[in-house]
Amino acid sequence: MIAVSKTARRAWLTGGLALPMALGLTSVSAPAMAAPGGAAVAGAECAKTLPEYRTGKAKPGKRPAAKPVRANDGCTGTRGPQGSKGPKGDRGPAGPCVNIDTVPGAVIGSEYSAALTRGKVFAGYRASATSAYTWRDLTRAGTPGYPRNACGVAVKLDAGRVYVKVLTTAGDIYETSCTVTLSCTVGWSAVVRP
């Protein structure tokens, strides 16, 4: 008789606790799973959805756990207007390649020079050590083929022409020439490198 009543009492306790517990768990987990279950985000321009959930594998005596699936990316907003142009930046430092070379001219006291500055090469002449130079830009359209990475310059007077050579940062040599009156119409040509 005692054994029967203990068994009946256990069945009644188990049944009595199981029902409220099941209802309590259901009422807690059901809204959490129902709200984000793939509902579309408001707004016609965005068709992406909220995270979806799936039921995990149940362990013996345990209720299945809800595991979230990786969420979709949020909606991308429209691009804003382009901002105004910023102030002009400071001028950068001058390039490291600056050079000059000089040879005597045919007339006593005169001289020819070649100068490399600001990325350009100039041929110059002056009649005496105190007179002003006349310069010709050798990087213009009349002397095509000038290498933009010139870093050294040399000048020579020979057979009635002024020859100007440059050495590039890559080790290449280029040359052009002008008349003694600095009429410069010959393009730059490569010289066999050392």
N, C-alpha and C. Protein backbone atom coordinates (compact mmCIF):
# COMPACT_ATOMS: atom_id res chain seq x y z
N MET A 1 0.83 -1.20 0.00
CA MET A 1 0.00 0.00 0.00
C MET A 1 0.86 1.25 0.00
N ILE A 2 1.93 1.22 0.84
CA ILE A 2 2.81 2.39 0.92
C ILE A 2 3.53 2.57 -0.40
N ALA A 3 3.99 1.48 -1.02
CA ALA A 3 4.70 1.56 -2.30
C ALA A 3 3.80 2.15 -3.37
N VAL A 4 2.57 1.79 -3.39
CA VAL A 4 1.63 2.29 -4.39
C VAL A 4 1.42 3.78 -4.21
N SER A 5 1.24 4.23 -2.98
CA SER A 5 0.99 5.64 -2.77
C SER A 5 2.21 6.49 -3.11
N LYS A 6 3.44 5.96 -2.88
CA LYS A 6 4.64 6.71 -3.27
C LYS A 6 4.72 6.84 -4.79
N THR A 7 4.39 5.79 -5.49
CA THR A 7 4.42 5.83 -6.95
C THR A 7 3.38 6.80 -7.47
N ALA A 8 2.18 6.74 -6.88
CA ALA A 8 1.12 7.65 -7.31
C ALA A 8 1.49 9.09 -7.02
N ARG A 9 2.14 9.28 -5.85
CA ARG A 9 2.53 10.64 -5.50
C ARG A 9 3.58 11.17 -6.48
N ARG A 10 4.56 10.35 -6.86
CA ARG A 10 5.58 10.77 -7.83
C ARG A 10 4.95 11.12 -9.17
N ALA A 11 4.01 10.33 -9.63
CA ALA A 11 3.35 10.58 -10.91
C ALA A 11 2.59 11.90 -10.86
N TRP A 12 1.93 12.12 -9.68
CA TRP A 12 1.17 13.36 -9.56
C TRP A 12 2.09 14.57 -9.54
N LEU A 13 3.24 14.49 -8.82
CA LEU A 13 4.21 15.60 -8.76
C LEU A 13 4.84 15.85 -10.13
N THR A 14 5.20 14.77 -10.78
CA THR A 14 5.81 14.93 -12.10
C THR A 14 4.85 15.56 -13.07
N GLY A 15 3.63 15.07 -13.09
CA GLY A 15 2.62 15.64 -13.98
C GLY A 15 2.26 17.06 -13.61
N GLY A 16 2.18 17.31 -12.27
CA GLY A 16 1.79 18.64 -11.81
C GLY A 16 2.85 19.69 -12.12
N LEU A 17 4.13 19.33 -12.04
CA LEU A 17 5.21 20.27 -12.32
C LEU A 17 5.50 20.37 -13.82
N ALA A 18 5.32 19.30 -14.53
CA ALA A 18 5.68 19.29 -15.95
C ALA A 18 4.80 20.23 -16.76
N LEU A 19 3.51 20.26 -16.44
CA LEU A 19 2.61 21.10 -17.22
C LEU A 19 2.90 22.60 -17.05
N PRO A 20 3.00 23.14 -15.81
CA PRO A 20 3.34 24.56 -15.69
C PRO A 20 4.72 24.89 -16.26
N MET A 21 5.67 23.95 -16.07
CA MET A 21 7.02 24.21 -16.59
C MET A 21 7.00 24.26 -18.11
N ALA A 22 6.29 23.37 -18.73
CA ALA A 22 6.20 23.34 -20.19
C ALA A 22 5.51 24.61 -20.69
N LEU A 23 4.45 25.02 -19.99
CA LEU A 23 3.77 26.24 -20.39
C LEU A 23 4.66 27.46 -20.20
N GLY A 24 5.38 27.48 -19.09
CA GLY A 24 6.28 28.61 -18.83
C GLY A 24 7.38 28.71 -19.87
N LEU A 25 7.98 27.59 -20.22
CA LEU A 25 9.03 27.60 -21.23
C LEU A 25 8.48 27.97 -22.59
N THR A 26 7.31 27.48 -22.90
CA THR A 26 6.70 27.79 -24.19
C THR A 26 6.38 29.27 -24.28
N SER A 27 5.84 29.83 -23.20
CA SER A 27 5.46 31.24 -23.27
C SER A 27 6.68 32.15 -23.33
N VAL A 28 7.82 31.71 -22.81
CA VAL A 28 9.03 32.54 -22.85
C VAL A 28 9.71 32.44 -24.20
N SER A 29 9.82 31.20 -24.70
CA SER A 29 10.60 31.03 -25.92
C SER A 29 9.80 31.31 -27.19
N ALA A 30 8.50 31.14 -27.16
CA ALA A 30 7.71 31.32 -28.38
C ALA A 30 7.77 32.74 -28.92
N PRO A 31 7.58 33.80 -28.10
CA PRO A 31 7.67 35.14 -28.68
C PRO A 31 9.07 35.45 -29.18
N ALA A 32 10.10 34.96 -28.48
CA ALA A 32 11.47 35.25 -28.91
C ALA A 32 11.75 34.63 -30.26
N MET A 33 11.17 33.48 -30.52
CA MET A 33 11.42 32.83 -31.80
C MET A 33 10.49 33.38 -32.88
N ALA A 34 9.33 33.82 -32.51
CA ALA A 34 8.36 34.23 -33.52
C ALA A 34 8.67 35.61 -34.09
N ALA A 35 9.19 36.52 -33.23
CA ALA A 35 9.38 37.90 -33.69
C ALA A 35 10.38 38.01 -34.83
N PRO A 36 11.60 37.46 -34.66
CA PRO A 36 12.56 37.66 -35.74
C PRO A 36 12.54 36.59 -36.80
N GLY A 37 11.56 35.73 -36.83
CA GLY A 37 11.56 34.58 -37.73
C GLY A 37 11.48 34.95 -39.19
N GLY A 38 12.44 35.70 -39.69
CA GLY A 38 12.51 36.01 -41.11
C GLY A 38 11.62 37.16 -41.53
N ALA A 39 11.14 37.97 -40.57
CA ALA A 39 10.28 39.10 -40.93
C ALA A 39 11.07 40.11 -41.75
N ALA A 40 10.47 40.67 -42.78
CA ALA A 40 11.15 41.63 -43.65
C ALA A 40 11.30 42.97 -42.95
N VAL A 41 12.40 43.65 -43.18
CA VAL A 41 12.63 44.98 -42.63
C VAL A 41 11.69 45.95 -43.32
N ALA A 42 11.14 46.90 -42.54
CA ALA A 42 10.21 47.87 -43.11
C ALA A 42 10.91 48.74 -44.14
N GLY A 43 10.18 49.13 -45.15
CA GLY A 43 10.75 49.98 -46.20
C GLY A 43 10.83 49.25 -47.52
N ALA A 44 10.27 49.83 -48.57
CA ALA A 44 10.24 49.16 -49.87
C ALA A 44 11.62 49.09 -50.49
N GLU A 45 12.51 50.02 -50.13
CA GLU A 45 13.83 50.05 -50.76
C GLU A 45 14.77 48.99 -50.22
N CYS A 46 14.40 48.32 -49.14
CA CYS A 46 15.29 47.33 -48.53
C CYS A 46 14.58 45.99 -48.43
N ALA A 47 15.07 45.01 -49.16
CA ALA A 47 14.44 43.69 -49.16
C ALA A 47 15.18 42.70 -48.28
N LYS A 48 16.20 43.15 -47.56
CA LYS A 48 16.97 42.24 -46.71
C LYS A 48 16.17 41.90 -45.46
N THR A 49 16.45 40.74 -44.86
CA THR A 49 15.64 40.27 -43.74
C THR A 49 16.45 40.21 -42.46
N LEU A 50 15.71 40.12 -41.35
CA LEU A 50 16.34 39.95 -40.04
C LEU A 50 16.85 38.52 -39.89
N PRO A 51 17.62 38.23 -38.83
CA PRO A 51 18.15 36.87 -38.66
C PRO A 51 17.04 35.83 -38.54
N GLU A 52 17.31 34.65 -39.04
CA GLU A 52 16.37 33.54 -38.89
C GLU A 52 16.92 32.60 -37.83
N TYR A 53 16.04 31.82 -37.21
CA TYR A 53 16.45 30.91 -36.15
C TYR A 53 16.12 29.48 -36.56
N ARG A 54 16.91 28.54 -36.04
CA ARG A 54 16.61 27.12 -36.28
C ARG A 54 16.69 26.39 -34.93
N THR A 55 16.08 25.27 -34.87
CA THR A 55 16.07 24.50 -33.63
C THR A 55 17.29 23.63 -33.55
N GLY A 56 17.95 23.69 -32.39
CA GLY A 56 19.15 22.86 -32.19
C GLY A 56 18.77 21.42 -31.90
N LYS A 57 19.79 20.56 -31.85
CA LYS A 57 19.57 19.14 -31.60
C LYS A 57 19.26 18.93 -30.12
N ALA A 58 18.20 18.20 -29.81
CA ALA A 58 17.78 17.99 -28.43
C ALA A 58 18.64 16.94 -27.76
N LYS A 59 19.03 17.22 -26.50
CA LYS A 59 19.75 16.23 -25.69
C LYS A 59 18.71 15.48 -24.87
N PRO A 60 18.99 14.25 -24.46
CA PRO A 60 18.01 13.48 -23.67
C PRO A 60 17.63 14.24 -22.40
N GLY A 61 16.34 14.43 -22.18
CA GLY A 61 15.83 15.10 -20.99
C GLY A 61 15.92 16.61 -21.05
N LYS A 62 16.41 17.19 -22.18
CA LYS A 62 16.53 18.65 -22.32
C LYS A 62 15.65 19.10 -23.48
N ARG A 63 15.21 20.36 -23.40
CA ARG A 63 14.42 20.89 -24.52
C ARG A 63 15.36 21.38 -25.61
N PRO A 64 14.94 21.37 -26.86
CA PRO A 64 15.79 21.87 -27.96
C PRO A 64 16.11 23.36 -27.77
N ALA A 65 17.36 23.74 -28.03
CA ALA A 65 17.78 25.14 -27.91
C ALA A 65 17.66 25.84 -29.27
N ALA A 66 17.30 27.10 -29.23
CA ALA A 66 17.21 27.87 -30.47
C ALA A 66 18.58 28.45 -30.80
N LYS A 67 19.10 28.16 -31.97
CA LYS A 67 20.41 28.67 -32.40
C LYS A 67 20.20 29.65 -33.55
N PRO A 68 20.71 30.86 -33.40
CA PRO A 68 20.50 31.83 -34.49
C PRO A 68 21.37 31.52 -35.69
N VAL A 69 20.80 31.72 -36.85
CA VAL A 69 21.57 31.63 -38.10
C VAL A 69 22.27 32.97 -38.27
N ARG A 70 23.41 33.02 -38.95
CA ARG A 70 24.14 34.27 -39.16
C ARG A 70 23.20 35.31 -39.78
N ALA A 71 23.21 36.50 -39.20
CA ALA A 71 22.30 37.55 -39.65
C ALA A 71 22.68 38.06 -41.02
N ASN A 72 21.68 38.46 -41.79
CA ASN A 72 21.93 39.13 -43.07
C ASN A 72 22.49 40.51 -42.80
N ASP A 73 23.24 41.05 -43.73
CA ASP A 73 23.75 42.41 -43.60
C ASP A 73 22.58 43.39 -43.58
N GLY A 74 22.79 44.50 -42.91
CA GLY A 74 21.75 45.54 -42.87
C GLY A 74 21.64 46.25 -44.21
N CYS A 75 20.65 47.08 -44.32
CA CYS A 75 20.43 47.82 -45.56
C CYS A 75 21.46 48.92 -45.71
N THR A 76 21.93 49.15 -46.92
CA THR A 76 22.86 50.23 -47.20
C THR A 76 22.07 51.49 -47.54
N GLY A 77 22.42 52.56 -46.86
CA GLY A 77 21.71 53.82 -47.12
C GLY A 77 22.18 54.45 -48.43
N THR A 78 21.48 55.49 -48.83
CA THR A 78 21.86 56.18 -50.05
C THR A 78 23.10 57.03 -49.79
N ARG A 79 23.93 57.22 -50.81
CA ARG A 79 25.16 58.00 -50.69
C ARG A 79 24.80 59.48 -50.49
N GLY A 80 25.47 60.11 -49.57
CA GLY A 80 25.24 61.52 -49.31
C GLY A 80 25.87 62.39 -50.37
N PRO A 81 25.60 63.69 -50.34
CA PRO A 81 26.18 64.59 -51.34
C PRO A 81 27.69 64.71 -51.16
N GLN A 82 28.39 64.98 -52.25
CA GLN A 82 29.84 65.12 -52.20
C GLN A 82 30.22 66.39 -51.46
N GLY A 83 31.23 66.29 -50.62
CA GLY A 83 31.69 67.43 -49.85
C GLY A 83 32.43 68.43 -50.73
N SER A 84 32.65 69.61 -50.17
CA SER A 84 33.36 70.64 -50.92
C SER A 84 34.84 70.31 -51.01
N LYS A 85 35.52 70.87 -52.00
CA LYS A 85 36.93 70.60 -52.24
C LYS A 85 37.76 71.23 -51.13
N GLY A 86 38.71 70.50 -50.63
CA GLY A 86 39.57 70.98 -49.56
C GLY A 86 40.59 71.98 -50.05
N PRO A 87 41.29 72.62 -49.13
CA PRO A 87 42.30 73.62 -49.53
C PRO A 87 43.48 72.97 -50.22
N LYS A 88 44.16 73.74 -51.05
CA LYS A 88 45.32 73.23 -51.78
C LYS A 88 46.46 72.95 -50.80
N GLY A 89 47.09 71.82 -50.98
CA GLY A 89 48.19 71.45 -50.09
C GLY A 89 49.46 72.22 -50.37
N ASP A 90 50.38 72.14 -49.45
CA ASP A 90 51.67 72.82 -49.61
C ASP A 90 52.48 72.14 -50.71
N ARG A 91 53.36 72.91 -51.35
CA ARG A 91 54.23 72.35 -52.38
C ARG A 91 55.20 71.36 -51.74
N GLY A 92 55.37 70.22 -52.37
CA GLY A 92 56.29 69.21 -51.84
C GLY A 92 57.73 69.65 -51.98
N PRO A 93 58.62 68.93 -51.32
CA PRO A 93 60.03 69.29 -51.41
C PRO A 93 60.57 69.09 -52.82
N ALA A 94 61.57 69.86 -53.18
CA ALA A 94 62.20 69.74 -54.50
C ALA A 94 62.85 68.37 -54.62
N GLY A 95 62.87 67.85 -55.84
CA GLY A 95 63.50 66.55 -56.06
C GLY A 95 64.98 66.58 -55.71
N PRO A 96 65.54 65.44 -55.40
CA PRO A 96 66.93 65.41 -54.97
C PRO A 96 67.92 65.61 -56.11
N CYS A 97 67.46 65.49 -57.34
CA CYS A 97 68.38 65.55 -58.48
C CYS A 97 68.54 66.98 -58.99
N VAL A 98 69.64 67.60 -58.62
CA VAL A 98 69.99 68.95 -59.06
C VAL A 98 71.46 68.90 -59.43
N ASN A 99 71.81 69.44 -60.62
CA ASN A 99 73.20 69.33 -61.07
C ASN A 99 73.50 70.42 -62.09
N ILE A 100 74.77 70.74 -62.24
CA ILE A 100 75.21 71.70 -63.26
C ILE A 100 76.61 71.31 -63.73
N ASP A 101 76.89 71.60 -65.00
CA ASP A 101 78.20 71.35 -65.58
C ASP A 101 78.52 72.51 -66.52
N THR A 102 79.79 72.89 -66.61
CA THR A 102 80.20 74.05 -67.42
C THR A 102 81.48 73.74 -68.18
N VAL A 103 81.55 74.24 -69.44
CA VAL A 103 82.78 74.13 -70.26
C VAL A 103 83.08 75.49 -70.88
N PRO A 104 84.34 75.77 -71.16
CA PRO A 104 84.66 77.06 -71.82
C PRO A 104 84.14 77.10 -73.25
N GLY A 105 83.72 78.30 -73.68
CA GLY A 105 83.26 78.49 -75.05
C GLY A 105 84.43 78.76 -75.99
N ALA A 106 84.12 78.94 -77.28
CA ALA A 106 85.15 79.19 -78.29
C ALA A 106 85.80 80.56 -78.10
N VAL A 107 85.02 81.52 -77.66
CA VAL A 107 85.53 82.87 -77.40
C VAL A 107 86.11 82.91 -75.98
N ILE A 108 87.25 83.52 -75.83
CA ILE A 108 87.90 83.57 -74.51
C ILE A 108 86.96 84.24 -73.51
N GLY A 109 86.79 83.62 -72.38
CA GLY A 109 85.93 84.14 -71.31
C GLY A 109 84.48 83.66 -71.39
N SER A 110 84.06 83.15 -72.55
CA SER A 110 82.68 82.66 -72.68
C SER A 110 82.57 81.24 -72.13
N GLU A 111 81.35 80.82 -71.89
CA GLU A 111 81.16 79.45 -71.37
C GLU A 111 79.76 78.93 -71.69
N TYR A 112 79.69 77.61 -71.75
CA TYR A 112 78.42 76.90 -71.92
C TYR A 112 78.17 76.10 -70.64
N SER A 113 76.92 76.03 -70.25
CA SER A 113 76.55 75.24 -69.06
C SER A 113 75.32 74.41 -69.37
N ALA A 114 75.19 73.32 -68.66
CA ALA A 114 73.97 72.51 -68.66
C ALA A 114 73.53 72.41 -67.21
N ALA A 115 72.27 72.68 -66.96
CA ALA A 115 71.76 72.66 -65.59
C ALA A 115 70.53 71.76 -65.50
N LEU A 116 70.49 70.96 -64.45
CA LEU A 116 69.34 70.08 -64.16
C LEU A 116 68.68 70.61 -62.90
N THR A 117 67.45 71.05 -63.02
CA THR A 117 66.73 71.58 -61.87
C THR A 117 65.22 71.45 -62.10
N ARG A 118 64.46 71.19 -61.04
CA ARG A 118 63.00 71.04 -61.10
C ARG A 118 62.56 70.00 -62.14
N GLY A 119 63.39 68.98 -62.33
CA GLY A 119 63.06 67.91 -63.27
C GLY A 119 63.31 68.24 -64.72
N LYS A 120 63.89 69.41 -65.01
CA LYS A 120 64.15 69.81 -66.40
C LYS A 120 65.65 70.05 -66.59
N VAL A 121 66.07 70.01 -67.88
CA VAL A 121 67.46 70.29 -68.23
C VAL A 121 67.50 71.52 -69.14
N PHE A 122 68.43 72.40 -68.84
CA PHE A 122 68.59 73.63 -69.62
C PHE A 122 70.03 73.72 -70.13
N ALA A 123 70.18 74.23 -71.36
CA ALA A 123 71.50 74.55 -71.91
C ALA A 123 71.63 76.07 -71.86
N GLY A 124 72.80 76.54 -71.43
CA GLY A 124 72.98 77.98 -71.28
C GLY A 124 74.30 78.47 -71.86
N TYR A 125 74.33 79.75 -72.22
CA TYR A 125 75.55 80.38 -72.76
C TYR A 125 75.67 81.79 -72.17
N ARG A 126 76.89 82.17 -71.87
CA ARG A 126 77.17 83.57 -71.52
C ARG A 126 78.51 83.96 -72.11
N ALA A 127 78.60 85.19 -72.54
CA ALA A 127 79.79 85.67 -73.26
C ALA A 127 80.99 85.92 -72.35
N SER A 128 80.73 86.19 -71.08
CA SER A 128 81.84 86.43 -70.15
C SER A 128 81.42 85.95 -68.76
N ALA A 129 82.38 85.92 -67.86
CA ALA A 129 82.11 85.42 -66.52
C ALA A 129 81.17 86.31 -65.73
N THR A 130 80.99 87.56 -66.18
CA THR A 130 80.11 88.49 -65.45
C THR A 130 78.80 88.77 -66.17
N SER A 131 78.63 88.27 -67.39
CA SER A 131 77.39 88.55 -68.14
C SER A 131 76.30 87.54 -67.77
N ALA A 132 75.06 87.85 -68.14
CA ALA A 132 73.92 86.98 -67.83
C ALA A 132 73.88 85.79 -68.80
N TYR A 133 73.29 84.70 -68.32
CA TYR A 133 73.10 83.51 -69.15
C TYR A 133 71.88 83.65 -70.05
N THR A 134 71.97 83.02 -71.21
CA THR A 134 70.81 82.76 -72.06
C THR A 134 70.53 81.26 -71.94
N TRP A 135 69.33 80.90 -71.49
CA TRP A 135 69.01 79.49 -71.25
C TRP A 135 67.99 78.98 -72.27
N ARG A 136 68.13 77.70 -72.64
CA ARG A 136 67.18 77.00 -73.51
C ARG A 136 66.70 75.73 -72.78
N ASP A 137 65.39 75.59 -72.74
CA ASP A 137 64.79 74.40 -72.11
C ASP A 137 64.89 73.22 -73.06
N LEU A 138 65.56 72.16 -72.63
CA LEU A 138 65.75 70.97 -73.49
C LEU A 138 64.72 69.87 -73.20
N THR A 139 63.67 70.21 -72.47
CA THR A 139 62.63 69.22 -72.18
C THR A 139 61.33 69.57 -72.89
N ARG A 140 61.36 70.48 -73.83
CA ARG A 140 60.15 70.92 -74.54
C ARG A 140 59.90 70.03 -75.76
N ALA A 141 58.85 70.34 -76.50
CA ALA A 141 58.45 69.53 -77.66
C ALA A 141 59.51 69.52 -78.76
N GLY A 142 60.31 70.60 -78.87
CA GLY A 142 61.34 70.67 -79.92
C GLY A 142 62.48 69.70 -79.70
N THR A 143 62.61 69.17 -78.50
CA THR A 143 63.65 68.17 -78.20
C THR A 143 62.98 66.96 -77.54
N PRO A 144 62.23 66.18 -78.31
CA PRO A 144 61.46 65.06 -77.74
C PRO A 144 62.36 63.94 -77.21
N GLY A 145 61.77 63.11 -76.36
CA GLY A 145 62.47 61.92 -75.85
C GLY A 145 63.21 62.14 -74.55
N TYR A 146 63.00 63.29 -73.90
CA TYR A 146 63.69 63.57 -72.64
C TYR A 146 63.23 62.59 -71.55
N PRO A 147 64.18 61.93 -70.87
CA PRO A 147 63.80 60.99 -69.81
C PRO A 147 63.37 61.74 -68.55
N ARG A 148 62.24 61.39 -68.01
CA ARG A 148 61.71 62.10 -66.84
C ARG A 148 62.46 61.79 -65.55
N ASN A 149 63.29 60.76 -65.53
CA ASN A 149 64.01 60.42 -64.30
C ASN A 149 65.50 60.81 -64.39
N ALA A 150 65.79 61.89 -65.14
CA ALA A 150 67.18 62.37 -65.23
C ALA A 150 67.64 62.85 -63.87
N CYS A 151 68.90 62.54 -63.54
CA CYS A 151 69.39 62.89 -62.21
C CYS A 151 70.80 63.48 -62.24
N GLY A 152 71.47 63.45 -63.38
CA GLY A 152 72.80 64.04 -63.52
C GLY A 152 72.94 64.63 -64.91
N VAL A 153 73.78 65.65 -65.08
CA VAL A 153 73.91 66.31 -66.38
C VAL A 153 75.38 66.62 -66.67
N ALA A 154 75.72 66.61 -67.96
CA ALA A 154 77.07 66.97 -68.41
C ALA A 154 76.97 67.72 -69.73
N VAL A 155 77.95 68.60 -69.99
CA VAL A 155 77.95 69.39 -71.23
C VAL A 155 79.34 69.32 -71.86
N LYS A 156 79.38 69.41 -73.20
CA LYS A 156 80.64 69.36 -73.94
C LYS A 156 80.49 70.19 -75.20
N LEU A 157 81.53 70.87 -75.60
CA LEU A 157 81.57 71.65 -76.84
C LEU A 157 82.49 70.92 -77.80
N ASP A 158 81.98 70.58 -79.00
CA ASP A 158 82.78 69.82 -79.95
C ASP A 158 82.28 70.08 -81.37
N ALA A 159 83.20 70.43 -82.24
CA ALA A 159 82.93 70.60 -83.67
C ALA A 159 81.75 71.53 -83.93
N GLY A 160 81.70 72.62 -83.23
CA GLY A 160 80.66 73.62 -83.47
C GLY A 160 79.30 73.25 -82.92
N ARG A 161 79.21 72.26 -82.03
CA ARG A 161 77.93 71.90 -81.40
C ARG A 161 78.13 71.77 -79.89
N VAL A 162 77.04 72.01 -79.17
CA VAL A 162 77.03 71.85 -77.71
C VAL A 162 76.26 70.57 -77.41
N TYR A 163 76.93 69.61 -76.79
CA TYR A 163 76.32 68.32 -76.46
C TYR A 163 75.96 68.29 -74.97
N VAL A 164 74.75 67.85 -74.71
CA VAL A 164 74.28 67.72 -73.32
C VAL A 164 73.86 66.28 -73.09
N LYS A 165 74.37 65.71 -72.01
CA LYS A 165 74.03 64.33 -71.64
C LYS A 165 73.38 64.33 -70.26
N VAL A 166 72.46 63.40 -70.06
CA VAL A 166 71.88 63.19 -68.73
C VAL A 166 72.02 61.73 -68.34
N LEU A 167 72.13 61.51 -67.05
CA LEU A 167 72.18 60.16 -66.48
C LEU A 167 70.91 59.99 -65.65
N THR A 168 70.16 58.91 -65.88
CA THR A 168 68.89 58.70 -65.17
C THR A 168 69.13 57.93 -63.87
N THR A 169 68.11 57.91 -63.04
CA THR A 169 68.18 57.16 -61.78
C THR A 169 68.26 55.65 -62.04
N ALA A 170 67.89 55.22 -63.24
CA ALA A 170 67.98 53.80 -63.60
C ALA A 170 69.33 53.45 -64.21
N GLY A 171 70.22 54.47 -64.38
CA GLY A 171 71.54 54.22 -64.94
C GLY A 171 71.61 54.35 -66.45
N ASP A 172 70.57 54.84 -67.09
CA ASP A 172 70.57 55.05 -68.54
C ASP A 172 71.14 56.43 -68.87
N ILE A 173 71.72 56.55 -70.06
CA ILE A 173 72.29 57.82 -70.51
C ILE A 173 71.55 58.25 -71.77
N TYR A 174 71.18 59.54 -71.82
CA TYR A 174 70.54 60.12 -73.00
C TYR A 174 71.30 61.38 -73.40
N GLU A 175 71.26 61.71 -74.71
CA GLU A 175 72.04 62.83 -75.21
C GLU A 175 71.26 63.62 -76.26
N THR A 176 71.48 64.91 -76.28
CA THR A 176 70.97 65.78 -77.34
C THR A 176 72.04 66.82 -77.63
N SER A 177 71.82 67.65 -78.66
CA SER A 177 72.81 68.69 -78.98
C SER A 177 72.14 69.92 -79.54
N CYS A 178 72.85 71.04 -79.46
CA CYS A 178 72.39 72.33 -79.96
C CYS A 178 73.52 72.97 -80.76
N THR A 179 73.18 73.97 -81.54
CA THR A 179 74.24 74.75 -82.21
C THR A 179 74.90 75.66 -81.17
N VAL A 180 75.99 76.31 -81.55
CA VAL A 180 76.67 77.19 -80.59
C VAL A 180 75.83 78.42 -80.26
N THR A 181 74.85 78.70 -81.09
CA THR A 181 73.91 79.80 -80.78
C THR A 181 72.68 79.31 -80.00
N LEU A 182 72.75 78.07 -79.55
CA LEU A 182 71.68 77.41 -78.77
C LEU A 182 70.37 77.30 -79.52
N SER A 183 70.48 76.92 -80.79
CA SER A 183 69.31 76.48 -81.54
C SER A 183 69.21 74.97 -81.29
N CYS A 184 68.23 74.57 -80.51
CA CYS A 184 68.14 73.17 -80.04
C CYS A 184 66.91 72.51 -80.65
N THR A 185 67.12 71.68 -81.66
CA THR A 185 66.00 71.03 -82.36
C THR A 185 66.22 69.53 -82.53
N VAL A 186 67.20 68.98 -81.83
CA VAL A 186 67.50 67.55 -81.93
C VAL A 186 66.90 66.84 -80.72
N GLY A 187 66.19 65.74 -80.96
CA GLY A 187 65.60 64.97 -79.87
C GLY A 187 66.66 64.21 -79.08
N TRP A 188 66.24 63.75 -77.89
CA TRP A 188 67.12 62.97 -77.03
C TRP A 188 67.22 61.54 -77.56
N SER A 189 68.42 60.99 -77.52
CA SER A 189 68.61 59.60 -77.95
C SER A 189 69.42 58.86 -76.89
N ALA A 190 69.15 57.58 -76.77
CA ALA A 190 69.84 56.76 -75.76
C ALA A 190 71.27 56.50 -76.19
N VAL A 191 72.14 56.50 -75.22
CA VAL A 191 73.56 56.17 -75.41
C VAL A 191 73.77 54.82 -74.73
N VAL A 192 74.72 54.05 -75.24
CA VAL A 192 75.00 52.74 -74.62
C VAL A 192 75.38 52.97 -73.16
N ARG A 193 74.68 52.31 -72.26
CA ARG A 193 74.90 52.52 -70.84
C ARG A 193 76.18 51.85 -70.38
N PRO A 194 76.82 52.37 -69.33
CA PRO A 194 78.07 51.77 -68.86
C PRO A 194 77.85 50.40 -68.25
